[in-house]
């Protein structure tokens, strides 16, 4: 006899999704370029 124990742990979800982090980072980078903190962006 085998008994399988399923341990269901609720997944921890962050308050901000990955997409929201990417948009926030892009806006912050744009703000730093606009303010002159970042002088050159090497594309």
N, C-alpha and C. Protein backbone atom coordinates (compact mmCIF):
# COMPACT_ATOMS: atom_id res chain seq x y z
N UNK A 1 0.85 -1.19 0.00
CA UNK A 1 0.00 0.00 0.00
C UNK A 1 0.88 1.24 0.00
N UNK A 2 0.61 2.06 -0.93
CA UNK A 2 1.34 3.33 -0.97
C UNK A 2 0.34 4.46 -0.85
N UNK A 3 0.72 5.40 -0.09
CA UNK A 3 -0.15 6.57 0.04
C UNK A 3 0.64 7.79 -0.41
N UNK A 4 0.04 8.52 -1.27
CA UNK A 4 0.69 9.72 -1.78
C UNK A 4 0.15 10.93 -1.05
N UNK A 5 1.07 11.72 -0.58
CA UNK A 5 0.68 12.93 0.13
C UNK A 5 0.94 14.11 -0.80
N UNK A 6 -0.11 14.81 -1.10
CA UNK A 6 0.03 15.98 -1.96
C UNK A 6 0.13 17.21 -1.07
N UNK A 7 1.23 17.87 -1.20
CA UNK A 7 1.39 19.10 -0.42
C UNK A 7 1.17 20.28 -1.38
N UNK A 8 0.02 20.85 -1.27
CA UNK A 8 -0.31 21.98 -2.13
C UNK A 8 -0.02 23.27 -1.38
N UNK A 9 1.00 23.93 -1.84
CA UNK A 9 1.35 25.20 -1.24
C UNK A 9 0.90 26.31 -2.18
N UNK A 10 0.23 27.29 -1.67
CA UNK A 10 -0.18 28.38 -2.55
C UNK A 10 1.05 29.13 -3.07
N UNK A 11 1.03 29.43 -4.36
CA UNK A 11 2.17 30.13 -4.96
C UNK A 11 2.17 31.57 -4.48
N UNK A 12 3.36 32.02 -4.15
CA UNK A 12 3.48 33.41 -3.72
C UNK A 12 3.52 34.28 -4.96
N UNK A 13 2.58 35.18 -5.07
CA UNK A 13 2.54 36.09 -6.20
C UNK A 13 2.93 37.47 -5.70
N UNK A 14 3.81 38.08 -6.46
CA UNK A 14 4.23 39.42 -6.05
C UNK A 14 3.11 40.40 -6.36
N UNK A 15 3.15 41.53 -5.72
CA UNK A 15 2.11 42.53 -5.90
C UNK A 15 2.18 43.15 -7.29
N UNK A 16 3.38 43.16 -7.89
CA UNK A 16 3.57 43.76 -9.20
C UNK A 16 4.03 42.68 -10.16
N UNK A 17 3.41 42.61 -11.33
CA UNK A 17 3.77 41.59 -12.31
C UNK A 17 5.09 41.94 -12.98
N UNK A 18 5.61 41.00 -13.75
CA UNK A 18 6.87 41.21 -14.45
C UNK A 18 6.72 42.33 -15.49
N UNK A 19 5.58 42.36 -16.15
CA UNK A 19 5.33 43.42 -17.13
C UNK A 19 5.33 44.80 -16.48
N UNK A 20 4.72 44.90 -15.33
CA UNK A 20 4.67 46.17 -14.63
C UNK A 20 6.07 46.60 -14.19
N UNK A 21 6.90 45.63 -13.77
CA UNK A 21 8.29 45.95 -13.41
C UNK A 21 9.04 46.48 -14.63
N UNK A 22 8.84 45.87 -15.80
CA UNK A 22 9.53 46.28 -17.01
C UNK A 22 9.12 47.69 -17.42
N UNK A 23 7.83 47.98 -17.34
CA UNK A 23 7.34 49.31 -17.69
C UNK A 23 7.88 50.34 -16.70
N UNK A 24 7.88 50.01 -15.43
CA UNK A 24 8.39 50.94 -14.42
C UNK A 24 9.87 51.21 -14.63
N UNK A 25 10.63 50.18 -14.94
CA UNK A 25 12.07 50.34 -15.19
C UNK A 25 12.31 51.19 -16.42
N UNK A 26 11.53 50.97 -17.48
CA UNK A 26 11.68 51.76 -18.70
C UNK A 26 11.34 53.22 -18.46
N UNK A 27 10.29 53.48 -17.72
CA UNK A 27 9.92 54.88 -17.42
C UNK A 27 10.98 55.56 -16.56
N UNK A 28 11.53 54.82 -15.62
CA UNK A 28 12.59 55.37 -14.77
C UNK A 28 13.83 55.68 -15.60
N UNK A 29 14.19 54.78 -16.51
CA UNK A 29 15.34 55.02 -17.38
C UNK A 29 15.10 56.23 -18.27
N UNK A 30 13.89 56.36 -18.81
CA UNK A 30 13.56 57.51 -19.65
C UNK A 30 13.64 58.81 -18.86
N UNK A 31 13.19 58.76 -17.63
CA UNK A 31 13.26 59.95 -16.77
C UNK A 31 14.70 60.34 -16.48
N UNK A 32 15.56 59.35 -16.23
CA UNK A 32 16.97 59.64 -15.95
C UNK A 32 17.66 60.22 -17.19
N UNK A 33 17.32 59.72 -18.37
CA UNK A 33 17.89 60.27 -19.60
C UNK A 33 17.40 61.69 -19.81
N UNK A 34 16.11 61.91 -19.59
CA UNK A 34 15.51 63.24 -19.77
C UNK A 34 16.11 64.25 -18.80
N UNK A 35 16.39 63.82 -17.58
CA UNK A 35 16.93 64.72 -16.56
C UNK A 35 18.43 64.96 -16.77
N UNK A 36 19.07 64.15 -17.61
CA UNK A 36 20.49 64.36 -17.87
C UNK A 36 21.41 63.56 -16.98
N UNK A 37 20.85 62.70 -16.16
CA UNK A 37 21.67 61.87 -15.29
C UNK A 37 22.45 60.87 -16.13
N UNK A 38 21.77 60.29 -17.09
CA UNK A 38 22.42 59.38 -18.03
C UNK A 38 22.67 60.16 -19.32
N UNK A 39 23.94 60.34 -19.65
CA UNK A 39 24.30 61.18 -20.78
C UNK A 39 24.18 60.47 -22.11
N UNK A 40 24.50 59.19 -22.16
CA UNK A 40 24.54 58.47 -23.43
C UNK A 40 24.02 57.06 -23.23
N UNK A 41 23.16 56.64 -24.11
CA UNK A 41 22.64 55.28 -24.08
C UNK A 41 23.25 54.54 -25.28
N UNK A 42 24.11 53.58 -25.03
CA UNK A 42 24.77 52.87 -26.13
C UNK A 42 23.85 51.83 -26.75
N UNK A 43 23.18 52.18 -27.81
CA UNK A 43 22.26 51.24 -28.46
C UNK A 43 23.02 50.36 -29.36
